[in-house]
Amino acid sequence: MVRVRNISLLAVAIIFCLLSGCGIRTKAKKACREIKEFIKVVLLVDEVSPECPPHLNFDNYQGFWDWYRFPLKYPYHVIMIDDYKEGDIEKFNGKDIRNPREDADHIVSQVDSLSPQEIFVAFHISEKEDATKNKWGILQYESGEVLYFQTKEELLKKRSLPDLKFYNLEYLYNQFSHKSLNSK
């Protein structure tokens, strides 16, 4: 947004300078064409560049337009489309963080809550998904192994844990985006 505002201010300043001289109409048309091309290039450079810009990285990229993301432990992250109700856990392949369809491998679908831990993330699969009997699971970061369980109690027993606090994806995304904004 700051970049768009700066470009707009620059465009207005150039047009104002050109309008104050002779041949106003010709200069203004030419300036408008050049400004339009300049704005197009500046705004689209990130979208067409084969390399991910250095200011966008695994730890700070929040998604674009109608999809949202937040990182777990590298290379795992959560991708949500349209809203925060459900998301997919995916493994980023290290290429372009802006392209989850081609640069990430799918791990678990329709997750609605998570309990991120140091060496694993526990998850709950949405109740809307009828095909899966096992609604609870663990993704172990180091090995990439995914274990599924029918109940939360089975999951806790397997990990020898007294309990885990699960958070919905909207809460986790908001925590991440708040932290990302404050670190800039």
N, C-alpha and C. Protein backbone atom coordinates (compact mmCIF):
# COMPACT_ATOMS: atom_id res chain seq x y z
N MET A 1 0.82 -1.20 0.00
CA MET A 1 0.00 0.00 0.00
C MET A 1 0.86 1.26 0.00
N VAL A 2 1.96 1.23 0.73
CA VAL A 2 2.83 2.40 0.78
C VAL A 2 3.43 2.64 -0.60
N ARG A 3 3.81 1.56 -1.29
CA ARG A 3 4.39 1.69 -2.60
C ARG A 3 3.39 2.31 -3.58
N VAL A 4 2.14 1.88 -3.52
CA VAL A 4 1.10 2.42 -4.41
C VAL A 4 0.89 3.90 -4.13
N ARG A 5 0.85 4.27 -2.86
CA ARG A 5 0.67 5.67 -2.49
C ARG A 5 1.83 6.52 -3.00
N ASN A 6 3.06 6.03 -2.85
CA ASN A 6 4.23 6.78 -3.32
C ASN A 6 4.22 6.95 -4.83
N ILE A 7 3.82 5.91 -5.54
CA ILE A 7 3.74 5.98 -7.00
C ILE A 7 2.68 7.00 -7.41
N SER A 8 1.55 6.99 -6.74
CA SER A 8 0.48 7.93 -7.05
C SER A 8 0.93 9.37 -6.82
N LEU A 9 1.61 9.60 -5.73
CA LEU A 9 2.11 10.95 -5.45
C LEU A 9 3.12 11.40 -6.50
N LEU A 10 3.98 10.49 -6.91
CA LEU A 10 4.95 10.80 -7.95
C LEU A 10 4.25 11.14 -9.26
N ALA A 11 3.24 10.38 -9.61
CA ALA A 11 2.50 10.63 -10.85
C ALA A 11 1.83 12.00 -10.82
N VAL A 12 1.21 12.34 -9.72
CA VAL A 12 0.55 13.65 -9.60
C VAL A 12 1.58 14.77 -9.71
N ALA A 13 2.73 14.60 -9.08
CA ALA A 13 3.77 15.62 -9.13
C ALA A 13 4.29 15.82 -10.55
N ILE A 14 4.50 14.74 -11.27
CA ILE A 14 4.99 14.85 -12.65
C ILE A 14 3.96 15.55 -13.53
N ILE A 15 2.71 15.15 -13.41
CA ILE A 15 1.66 15.79 -14.22
C ILE A 15 1.55 17.27 -13.89
N PHE A 16 1.63 17.64 -12.63
CA PHE A 16 1.56 19.04 -12.23
C PHE A 16 2.70 19.84 -12.86
N CYS A 17 3.91 19.27 -12.80
CA CYS A 17 5.07 19.97 -13.40
C CYS A 17 4.89 20.15 -14.90
N LEU A 18 4.39 19.13 -15.56
CA LEU A 18 4.21 19.21 -17.00
C LEU A 18 3.11 20.18 -17.39
N LEU A 19 2.07 20.26 -16.58
CA LEU A 19 0.96 21.16 -16.89
C LEU A 19 1.34 22.63 -16.76
N SER A 20 2.40 22.91 -16.05
CA SER A 20 2.78 24.30 -15.85
C SER A 20 3.59 24.87 -17.02
N GLY A 21 3.94 24.05 -18.03
CA GLY A 21 4.74 24.51 -19.18
C GLY A 21 3.91 24.62 -20.44
N CYS A 22 4.60 24.89 -21.56
CA CYS A 22 3.95 25.01 -22.87
C CYS A 22 3.64 23.64 -23.43
N GLY A 23 2.72 23.58 -24.39
CA GLY A 23 2.35 22.31 -25.02
C GLY A 23 1.75 21.36 -24.00
N ILE A 24 0.86 21.88 -23.19
CA ILE A 24 0.31 21.15 -22.05
C ILE A 24 -0.32 19.82 -22.47
N ARG A 25 -1.16 19.85 -23.45
CA ARG A 25 -1.90 18.64 -23.83
C ARG A 25 -0.97 17.52 -24.28
N THR A 26 -0.01 17.82 -25.14
CA THR A 26 0.92 16.81 -25.66
C THR A 26 1.80 16.25 -24.55
N LYS A 27 2.32 17.14 -23.72
CA LYS A 27 3.18 16.69 -22.62
C LYS A 27 2.39 15.85 -21.61
N ALA A 28 1.17 16.27 -21.32
CA ALA A 28 0.36 15.55 -20.34
C ALA A 28 0.03 14.14 -20.84
N LYS A 29 -0.34 14.02 -22.13
CA LYS A 29 -0.65 12.70 -22.68
C LYS A 29 0.56 11.77 -22.61
N LYS A 30 1.71 12.30 -23.02
CA LYS A 30 2.93 11.50 -23.01
C LYS A 30 3.29 11.11 -21.58
N ALA A 31 3.19 12.05 -20.66
CA ALA A 31 3.51 11.76 -19.26
C ALA A 31 2.56 10.71 -18.69
N CYS A 32 1.29 10.81 -19.02
CA CYS A 32 0.32 9.84 -18.52
C CYS A 32 0.62 8.44 -19.04
N ARG A 33 0.99 8.33 -20.32
CA ARG A 33 1.35 7.01 -20.88
C ARG A 33 2.57 6.43 -20.17
N GLU A 34 3.58 7.29 -19.96
CA GLU A 34 4.80 6.82 -19.31
C GLU A 34 4.55 6.45 -17.86
N ILE A 35 3.75 7.24 -17.18
CA ILE A 35 3.43 6.95 -15.78
C ILE A 35 2.63 5.65 -15.68
N LYS A 36 1.68 5.47 -16.60
CA LYS A 36 0.88 4.24 -16.60
C LYS A 36 1.78 3.02 -16.77
N GLU A 37 2.72 3.08 -17.70
CA GLU A 37 3.65 1.96 -17.91
C GLU A 37 4.54 1.76 -16.69
N PHE A 38 5.02 2.86 -16.11
CA PHE A 38 5.87 2.77 -14.93
C PHE A 38 5.12 2.11 -13.78
N ILE A 39 3.89 2.53 -13.54
CA ILE A 39 3.09 1.96 -12.47
C ILE A 39 2.84 0.48 -12.73
N LYS A 40 2.52 0.14 -13.96
CA LYS A 40 2.27 -1.26 -14.30
C LYS A 40 3.50 -2.12 -14.00
N VAL A 41 4.66 -1.64 -14.39
CA VAL A 41 5.90 -2.38 -14.17
C VAL A 41 6.18 -2.52 -12.68
N VAL A 42 6.07 -1.42 -11.94
CA VAL A 42 6.38 -1.45 -10.51
C VAL A 42 5.41 -2.35 -9.74
N LEU A 43 4.13 -2.27 -10.06
CA LEU A 43 3.15 -3.06 -9.33
C LEU A 43 3.20 -4.54 -9.70
N LEU A 44 3.54 -4.87 -10.92
CA LEU A 44 3.51 -6.27 -11.35
C LEU A 44 4.85 -6.97 -11.24
N VAL A 45 5.90 -6.26 -10.95
CA VAL A 45 7.22 -6.89 -10.94
C VAL A 45 7.27 -8.08 -9.97
N ASP A 46 6.64 -7.95 -8.81
CA ASP A 46 6.65 -9.05 -7.85
C ASP A 46 5.84 -10.24 -8.35
N GLU A 47 4.81 -9.99 -9.15
CA GLU A 47 3.94 -11.07 -9.58
C GLU A 47 4.50 -11.85 -10.76
N VAL A 48 5.37 -11.25 -11.55
CA VAL A 48 5.89 -11.95 -12.72
C VAL A 48 7.33 -12.41 -12.53
N SER A 49 7.98 -11.95 -11.51
CA SER A 49 9.36 -12.31 -11.28
C SER A 49 9.48 -13.79 -10.95
N PRO A 50 10.39 -14.52 -11.62
CA PRO A 50 10.56 -15.93 -11.30
C PRO A 50 11.22 -16.13 -9.94
N GLU A 51 11.89 -15.13 -9.44
CA GLU A 51 12.53 -15.21 -8.13
C GLU A 51 11.66 -14.50 -7.10
N CYS A 52 11.54 -15.10 -5.96
CA CYS A 52 10.77 -14.46 -4.89
C CYS A 52 11.59 -13.29 -4.34
N PRO A 53 11.00 -12.10 -4.25
CA PRO A 53 11.74 -10.96 -3.71
C PRO A 53 12.22 -11.24 -2.28
N PRO A 54 13.38 -10.73 -1.91
CA PRO A 54 13.95 -11.04 -0.59
C PRO A 54 13.10 -10.55 0.58
N HIS A 55 12.26 -9.52 0.35
CA HIS A 55 11.43 -9.04 1.46
C HIS A 55 10.25 -9.97 1.76
N LEU A 56 9.97 -10.92 0.86
CA LEU A 56 8.93 -11.92 1.09
C LEU A 56 9.60 -13.23 1.41
N ASN A 57 9.40 -13.72 2.62
CA ASN A 57 10.03 -14.98 2.95
C ASN A 57 9.09 -15.86 3.76
N PHE A 58 9.55 -17.03 4.04
CA PHE A 58 8.74 -18.03 4.73
C PHE A 58 8.20 -17.51 6.06
N ASP A 59 8.99 -16.72 6.76
CA ASP A 59 8.61 -16.28 8.10
C ASP A 59 7.70 -15.06 8.13
N ASN A 60 7.50 -14.37 7.00
CA ASN A 60 6.67 -13.17 7.08
C ASN A 60 5.55 -13.09 6.04
N TYR A 61 5.51 -13.98 5.06
CA TYR A 61 4.51 -13.85 4.01
C TYR A 61 3.15 -14.33 4.50
N GLN A 62 2.12 -13.46 4.35
CA GLN A 62 0.78 -13.74 4.88
C GLN A 62 -0.22 -14.21 3.84
N GLY A 63 0.19 -14.28 2.58
CA GLY A 63 -0.73 -14.67 1.53
C GLY A 63 -1.10 -13.48 0.67
N PHE A 64 -2.03 -13.71 -0.26
CA PHE A 64 -2.38 -12.67 -1.22
C PHE A 64 -3.82 -12.85 -1.64
N TRP A 65 -4.55 -11.79 -1.79
CA TRP A 65 -5.95 -11.73 -2.21
C TRP A 65 -6.84 -12.61 -1.35
N ASP A 66 -7.24 -13.78 -1.86
CA ASP A 66 -8.22 -14.59 -1.16
C ASP A 66 -7.62 -15.83 -0.50
N TRP A 67 -6.31 -15.86 -0.34
CA TRP A 67 -5.72 -16.97 0.40
C TRP A 67 -4.77 -16.42 1.45
N TYR A 68 -4.70 -17.14 2.54
CA TYR A 68 -3.94 -16.70 3.70
C TYR A 68 -2.99 -17.83 4.10
N ARG A 69 -1.89 -17.46 4.72
CA ARG A 69 -0.95 -18.47 5.19
C ARG A 69 -0.27 -18.02 6.46
N PHE A 70 0.16 -18.97 7.22
CA PHE A 70 1.06 -18.70 8.33
C PHE A 70 2.00 -19.88 8.48
N PRO A 71 3.23 -19.60 8.93
CA PRO A 71 4.22 -20.66 9.03
C PRO A 71 4.04 -21.47 10.31
N LEU A 72 4.45 -22.72 10.23
CA LEU A 72 4.62 -23.54 11.42
C LEU A 72 6.14 -23.56 11.64
N LYS A 73 6.75 -24.71 11.61
CA LYS A 73 8.21 -24.79 11.67
C LYS A 73 8.68 -25.12 10.25
N TYR A 74 9.69 -24.37 9.78
CA TYR A 74 10.15 -24.54 8.41
C TYR A 74 10.44 -26.01 8.13
N PRO A 75 9.94 -26.53 7.04
CA PRO A 75 9.30 -25.94 5.87
C PRO A 75 7.77 -26.07 5.87
N TYR A 76 7.15 -26.30 7.00
CA TYR A 76 5.70 -26.53 7.05
C TYR A 76 4.96 -25.22 7.30
N HIS A 77 3.81 -25.09 6.61
CA HIS A 77 2.95 -23.93 6.83
C HIS A 77 1.50 -24.32 6.57
N VAL A 78 0.59 -23.41 6.94
CA VAL A 78 -0.84 -23.64 6.77
C VAL A 78 -1.35 -22.67 5.71
N ILE A 79 -2.11 -23.19 4.75
CA ILE A 79 -2.70 -22.40 3.68
C ILE A 79 -4.21 -22.44 3.84
N MET A 80 -4.86 -21.27 3.80
CA MET A 80 -6.32 -21.19 3.89
C MET A 80 -6.84 -20.43 2.67
N ILE A 81 -7.93 -20.88 2.11
CA ILE A 81 -8.53 -20.23 0.95
C ILE A 81 -9.88 -19.62 1.37
N ASP A 82 -10.09 -18.37 1.03
CA ASP A 82 -11.34 -17.63 1.23
C ASP A 82 -11.62 -17.23 2.68
N ASP A 83 -11.39 -18.10 3.63
CA ASP A 83 -11.66 -17.76 5.03
C ASP A 83 -10.70 -18.52 5.94
N TYR A 84 -10.92 -18.39 7.24
CA TYR A 84 -10.01 -18.97 8.22
C TYR A 84 -10.58 -20.24 8.87
N LYS A 85 -11.70 -20.74 8.38
CA LYS A 85 -12.36 -21.88 9.04
C LYS A 85 -11.58 -23.17 8.90
N GLU A 86 -11.01 -23.41 7.71
CA GLU A 86 -10.26 -24.63 7.45
C GLU A 86 -9.02 -24.28 6.65
N GLY A 87 -8.02 -25.13 6.79
CA GLY A 87 -6.81 -24.94 6.01
C GLY A 87 -6.11 -26.26 5.76
N ASP A 88 -5.08 -26.20 4.98
CA ASP A 88 -4.27 -27.38 4.67
C ASP A 88 -2.86 -27.17 5.22
N ILE A 89 -2.31 -28.21 5.79
CA ILE A 89 -0.91 -28.18 6.19
C ILE A 89 -0.11 -28.62 4.96
N GLU A 90 0.88 -27.81 4.60
CA GLU A 90 1.69 -28.09 3.43
C GLU A 90 3.16 -27.95 3.76
N LYS A 91 3.98 -28.55 2.91
CA LYS A 91 5.43 -28.48 3.06
C LYS A 91 5.98 -27.63 1.92
N PHE A 92 6.56 -26.49 2.25
CA PHE A 92 7.13 -25.56 1.29
C PHE A 92 8.40 -26.16 0.70
N ASN A 93 8.57 -26.03 -0.63
CA ASN A 93 9.74 -26.64 -1.27
C ASN A 93 10.92 -25.67 -1.43
N GLY A 94 10.80 -24.46 -0.89
CA GLY A 94 11.92 -23.54 -0.89
C GLY A 94 12.03 -22.63 -2.10
N LYS A 95 11.08 -22.70 -3.03
CA LYS A 95 11.19 -21.88 -4.25
C LYS A 95 10.54 -20.52 -4.06
N ASP A 96 9.27 -20.37 -4.39
CA ASP A 96 8.60 -19.07 -4.33
C ASP A 96 7.42 -19.16 -3.36
N ILE A 97 7.52 -18.49 -2.26
CA ILE A 97 6.51 -18.56 -1.19
C ILE A 97 5.16 -18.04 -1.68
N ARG A 98 5.14 -17.28 -2.76
CA ARG A 98 3.89 -16.72 -3.27
C ARG A 98 3.07 -17.71 -4.08
N ASN A 99 3.59 -18.89 -4.33
CA ASN A 99 2.92 -19.84 -5.21
C ASN A 99 2.67 -21.18 -4.50
N PRO A 100 1.65 -21.26 -3.65
CA PRO A 100 1.44 -22.48 -2.88
C PRO A 100 1.02 -23.69 -3.72
N ARG A 101 0.40 -23.45 -4.86
CA ARG A 101 -0.06 -24.58 -5.69
C ARG A 101 1.10 -25.35 -6.30
N GLU A 102 2.15 -24.65 -6.69
CA GLU A 102 3.27 -25.31 -7.35
C GLU A 102 4.49 -25.48 -6.46
N ASP A 103 4.62 -24.67 -5.43
CA ASP A 103 5.83 -24.69 -4.63
C ASP A 103 5.63 -25.21 -3.21
N ALA A 104 4.63 -26.06 -3.04
CA ALA A 104 4.40 -26.70 -1.75
C ALA A 104 3.76 -28.06 -1.98
N ASP A 105 4.08 -28.99 -1.11
CA ASP A 105 3.50 -30.33 -1.17
C ASP A 105 2.43 -30.46 -0.10
N HIS A 106 1.30 -30.95 -0.49
CA HIS A 106 0.16 -31.11 0.40
C HIS A 106 0.43 -32.21 1.43
N ILE A 107 0.07 -31.95 2.70
CA ILE A 107 0.26 -32.94 3.77
C ILE A 107 -1.09 -33.38 4.35
N VAL A 108 -1.88 -32.43 4.89
CA VAL A 108 -3.16 -32.74 5.53
C VAL A 108 -4.21 -31.72 5.11
N SER A 109 -5.41 -32.20 4.77
CA SER A 109 -6.51 -31.32 4.34
C SER A 109 -7.49 -31.04 5.47
N GLN A 110 -8.19 -29.94 5.31
CA GLN A 110 -9.35 -29.56 6.11
C GLN A 110 -9.10 -29.56 7.62
N VAL A 111 -7.98 -28.98 7.98
CA VAL A 111 -7.64 -28.81 9.39
C VAL A 111 -8.39 -27.59 9.90
N ASP A 112 -9.00 -27.70 11.10
CA ASP A 112 -9.70 -26.53 11.63
C ASP A 112 -9.09 -25.98 12.92
N SER A 113 -8.20 -26.74 13.55
CA SER A 113 -7.50 -26.23 14.73
C SER A 113 -6.16 -26.95 14.88
N LEU A 114 -5.24 -26.24 15.52
CA LEU A 114 -3.87 -26.73 15.67
C LEU A 114 -3.36 -26.50 17.08
N SER A 115 -2.38 -27.31 17.44
CA SER A 115 -1.63 -27.10 18.66
C SER A 115 -0.14 -27.17 18.28
N PRO A 116 0.44 -26.03 17.86
CA PRO A 116 1.85 -26.03 17.45
C PRO A 116 2.77 -26.24 18.66
N GLN A 117 3.68 -27.18 18.54
CA GLN A 117 4.65 -27.47 19.58
C GLN A 117 6.06 -27.35 18.98
N GLU A 118 7.06 -27.53 19.79
CA GLU A 118 8.45 -27.39 19.33
C GLU A 118 8.84 -28.45 18.30
N ILE A 119 8.47 -29.71 18.52
CA ILE A 119 8.93 -30.78 17.61
C ILE A 119 7.80 -31.38 16.77
N PHE A 120 6.57 -30.95 17.00
CA PHE A 120 5.44 -31.45 16.21
C PHE A 120 4.31 -30.44 16.25
N VAL A 121 3.33 -30.66 15.38
CA VAL A 121 2.09 -29.91 15.44
C VAL A 121 0.97 -30.93 15.51
N ALA A 122 0.10 -30.76 16.49
CA ALA A 122 -1.09 -31.61 16.59
C ALA A 122 -2.22 -30.87 15.87
N PHE A 123 -3.12 -31.62 15.25
CA PHE A 123 -4.18 -30.98 14.49
C PHE A 123 -5.49 -31.71 14.65
N HIS A 124 -6.57 -30.98 14.37
CA HIS A 124 -7.91 -31.56 14.35
C HIS A 124 -8.47 -31.33 12.95
N ILE A 125 -9.03 -32.39 12.37
CA ILE A 125 -9.62 -32.30 11.04
C ILE A 125 -11.09 -31.94 11.20
N SER A 126 -11.56 -31.03 10.36
CA SER A 126 -12.92 -30.54 10.42
C SER A 126 -13.94 -31.67 10.49
N GLU A 127 -14.96 -31.47 11.28
CA GLU A 127 -16.03 -32.45 11.41
C GLU A 127 -16.84 -32.58 10.12
N LYS A 128 -16.74 -31.60 9.23
CA LYS A 128 -17.49 -31.65 7.97
C LYS A 128 -16.96 -32.73 7.03
N GLU A 129 -15.72 -33.13 7.22
CA GLU A 129 -15.12 -34.14 6.35
C GLU A 129 -15.57 -35.52 6.82
N ASP A 130 -16.50 -36.13 6.07
CA ASP A 130 -17.06 -37.42 6.46
C ASP A 130 -16.17 -38.61 6.11
N ALA A 131 -15.30 -38.46 5.11
CA ALA A 131 -14.52 -39.59 4.64
C ALA A 131 -13.46 -40.03 5.65
N THR A 132 -13.00 -39.13 6.49
CA THR A 132 -11.94 -39.45 7.42
C THR A 132 -12.51 -39.84 8.77
N LYS A 133 -12.21 -41.05 9.21
CA LYS A 133 -12.64 -41.47 10.55
C LYS A 133 -11.72 -40.90 11.61
N ASN A 134 -10.46 -40.77 11.26
CA ASN A 134 -9.48 -40.25 12.22
C ASN A 134 -9.45 -38.73 12.15
N LYS A 135 -10.00 -38.10 13.17
CA LYS A 135 -10.16 -36.65 13.18
C LYS A 135 -9.00 -35.91 13.85
N TRP A 136 -8.09 -36.62 14.47
CA TRP A 136 -6.98 -36.01 15.19
C TRP A 136 -5.68 -36.51 14.60
N GLY A 137 -4.63 -35.70 14.70
CA GLY A 137 -3.36 -36.15 14.16
C GLY A 137 -2.17 -35.34 14.65
N ILE A 138 -1.00 -35.86 14.32
CA ILE A 138 0.27 -35.21 14.66
C ILE A 138 1.16 -35.25 13.42
N LEU A 139 1.76 -34.12 13.11
CA LEU A 139 2.80 -34.06 12.10
C LEU A 139 4.11 -33.83 12.84
N GLN A 140 5.02 -34.80 12.72
CA GLN A 140 6.33 -34.66 13.37
C GLN A 140 7.25 -33.92 12.41
N TYR A 141 7.74 -32.75 12.84
CA TYR A 141 8.49 -31.87 11.97
C TYR A 141 9.74 -32.53 11.38
N GLU A 142 10.54 -33.16 12.21
CA GLU A 142 11.83 -33.68 11.74
C GLU A 142 11.68 -34.80 10.70
N SER A 143 10.80 -35.75 10.98
CA SER A 143 10.66 -36.89 10.07
C SER A 143 9.62 -36.65 8.97
N GLY A 144 8.69 -35.72 9.20
CA GLY A 144 7.60 -35.49 8.25
C GLY A 144 6.50 -36.53 8.38
N GLU A 145 6.61 -37.41 9.37
CA GLU A 145 5.62 -38.47 9.58
C GLU A 145 4.32 -37.88 10.13
N VAL A 146 3.20 -38.38 9.60
CA VAL A 146 1.89 -37.96 10.07
C VAL A 146 1.21 -39.17 10.70
N LEU A 147 0.76 -38.99 11.94
CA LEU A 147 0.04 -40.04 12.66
C LEU A 147 -1.39 -39.58 12.88
N TYR A 148 -2.35 -40.48 12.65
CA TYR A 148 -3.77 -40.14 12.81
C TYR A 148 -4.37 -40.92 13.97
N PHE A 149 -5.38 -40.30 14.63
CA PHE A 149 -6.06 -40.90 15.77
C PHE A 149 -7.55 -40.61 15.67
N GLN A 150 -8.35 -41.50 16.25
CA GLN A 150 -9.80 -41.28 16.22
C GLN A 150 -10.24 -40.28 17.28
N THR A 151 -9.52 -40.22 18.39
CA THR A 151 -9.90 -39.31 19.47
C THR A 151 -8.70 -38.50 19.96
N LYS A 152 -9.01 -37.41 20.64
CA LYS A 152 -7.97 -36.59 21.24
C LYS A 152 -7.25 -37.38 22.33
N GLU A 153 -7.96 -38.19 23.04
CA GLU A 153 -7.36 -38.99 24.11
C GLU A 153 -6.30 -39.94 23.58
N GLU A 154 -6.57 -40.58 22.43
CA GLU A 154 -5.58 -41.46 21.81
C GLU A 154 -4.32 -40.69 21.44
N LEU A 155 -4.51 -39.50 20.89
CA LEU A 155 -3.39 -38.64 20.52
C LEU A 155 -2.55 -38.30 21.74
N LEU A 156 -3.20 -37.90 22.82
CA LEU A 156 -2.48 -37.52 24.04
C LEU A 156 -1.74 -38.71 24.64
N LYS A 157 -2.35 -39.88 24.58
CA LYS A 157 -1.73 -41.09 25.11
C LYS A 157 -0.48 -41.45 24.31
N LYS A 158 -0.55 -41.34 22.98
CA LYS A 158 0.58 -41.67 22.11
C LYS A 158 1.78 -40.77 22.41
N ARG A 159 1.54 -39.51 22.67
CA ARG A 159 2.62 -38.56 22.95
C ARG A 159 2.93 -38.44 24.44
N SER A 160 2.22 -39.19 25.27
CA SER A 160 2.40 -39.14 26.74
C SER A 160 2.28 -37.70 27.25
N LEU A 161 1.22 -37.03 26.82
CA LEU A 161 0.99 -35.65 27.22
C LEU A 161 -0.25 -35.56 28.10
N PRO A 162 -0.23 -34.67 29.10
CA PRO A 162 -1.43 -34.50 29.92
C PRO A 162 -2.55 -33.83 29.14
N ASP A 163 -2.22 -32.83 28.29
CA ASP A 163 -3.22 -32.14 27.47
C ASP A 163 -2.51 -31.22 26.50
N LEU A 164 -3.21 -30.82 25.47
CA LEU A 164 -2.73 -29.84 24.49
C LEU A 164 -3.80 -28.79 24.29
N LYS A 165 -3.39 -27.56 24.15
CA LYS A 165 -4.33 -26.47 23.86
C LYS A 165 -4.40 -26.29 22.35
N PHE A 166 -5.59 -26.43 21.79
CA PHE A 166 -5.80 -26.27 20.35
C PHE A 166 -6.38 -24.89 20.08
N TYR A 167 -5.90 -24.26 19.00
CA TYR A 167 -6.35 -22.93 18.61
C TYR A 167 -6.95 -23.00 17.21
N ASN A 168 -8.00 -22.22 16.98
CA ASN A 168 -8.56 -22.19 15.62
C ASN A 168 -7.60 -21.43 14.70
N LEU A 169 -7.75 -21.62 13.41
CA LEU A 169 -6.82 -21.06 12.43
C LEU A 169 -6.87 -19.54 12.37
N GLU A 170 -8.04 -18.99 12.59
CA GLU A 170 -8.15 -17.52 12.57
C GLU A 170 -7.31 -16.90 13.68
N TYR A 171 -7.36 -17.48 14.87
CA TYR A 171 -6.56 -16.98 15.98
C TYR A 171 -5.07 -17.07 15.66
N LEU A 172 -4.64 -18.22 15.14
CA LEU A 172 -3.22 -18.41 14.82
C LEU A 172 -2.77 -17.46 13.70
N TYR A 173 -3.62 -17.27 12.69
CA TYR A 173 -3.28 -16.35 11.61
C TYR A 173 -3.17 -14.91 12.15
N ASN A 174 -4.11 -14.51 12.98
CA ASN A 174 -4.07 -13.15 13.54
C ASN A 174 -2.83 -12.94 14.42
N GLN A 175 -2.44 -13.95 15.18
CA GLN A 175 -1.22 -13.85 15.98
C GLN A 175 0.00 -13.66 15.07
N PHE A 176 0.05 -14.45 14.00
CA PHE A 176 1.16 -14.36 13.06
C PHE A 176 1.18 -13.00 12.36
N SER A 177 0.03 -12.55 11.85
CA SER A 177 0.01 -11.28 11.11
C SER A 177 0.34 -10.11 12.03
N HIS A 178 -0.11 -10.16 13.27
CA HIS A 178 0.21 -9.10 14.22
C HIS A 178 1.72 -9.07 14.48
N LYS A 179 2.32 -10.25 14.66
CA LYS A 179 3.76 -10.34 14.89
C LYS A 179 4.53 -9.88 13.65
N SER A 180 4.06 -10.24 12.46
CA SER A 180 4.73 -9.83 11.21
C SER A 180 4.72 -8.31 11.04
N LEU A 181 3.59 -7.70 11.33
CA LEU A 181 3.48 -6.25 11.19
C LEU A 181 4.36 -5.52 12.18
N ASN A 182 4.47 -6.04 13.39
CA ASN A 182 5.29 -5.38 14.41
C ASN A 182 6.78 -5.57 14.20
N SER A 183 7.17 -6.57 13.42
CA SER A 183 8.60 -6.81 13.20
C SER A 183 9.15 -5.99 12.05
N LYS A 184 8.30 -5.27 11.32
CA LYS A 184 8.78 -4.47 10.18
C LYS A 184 9.36 -3.16 10.63
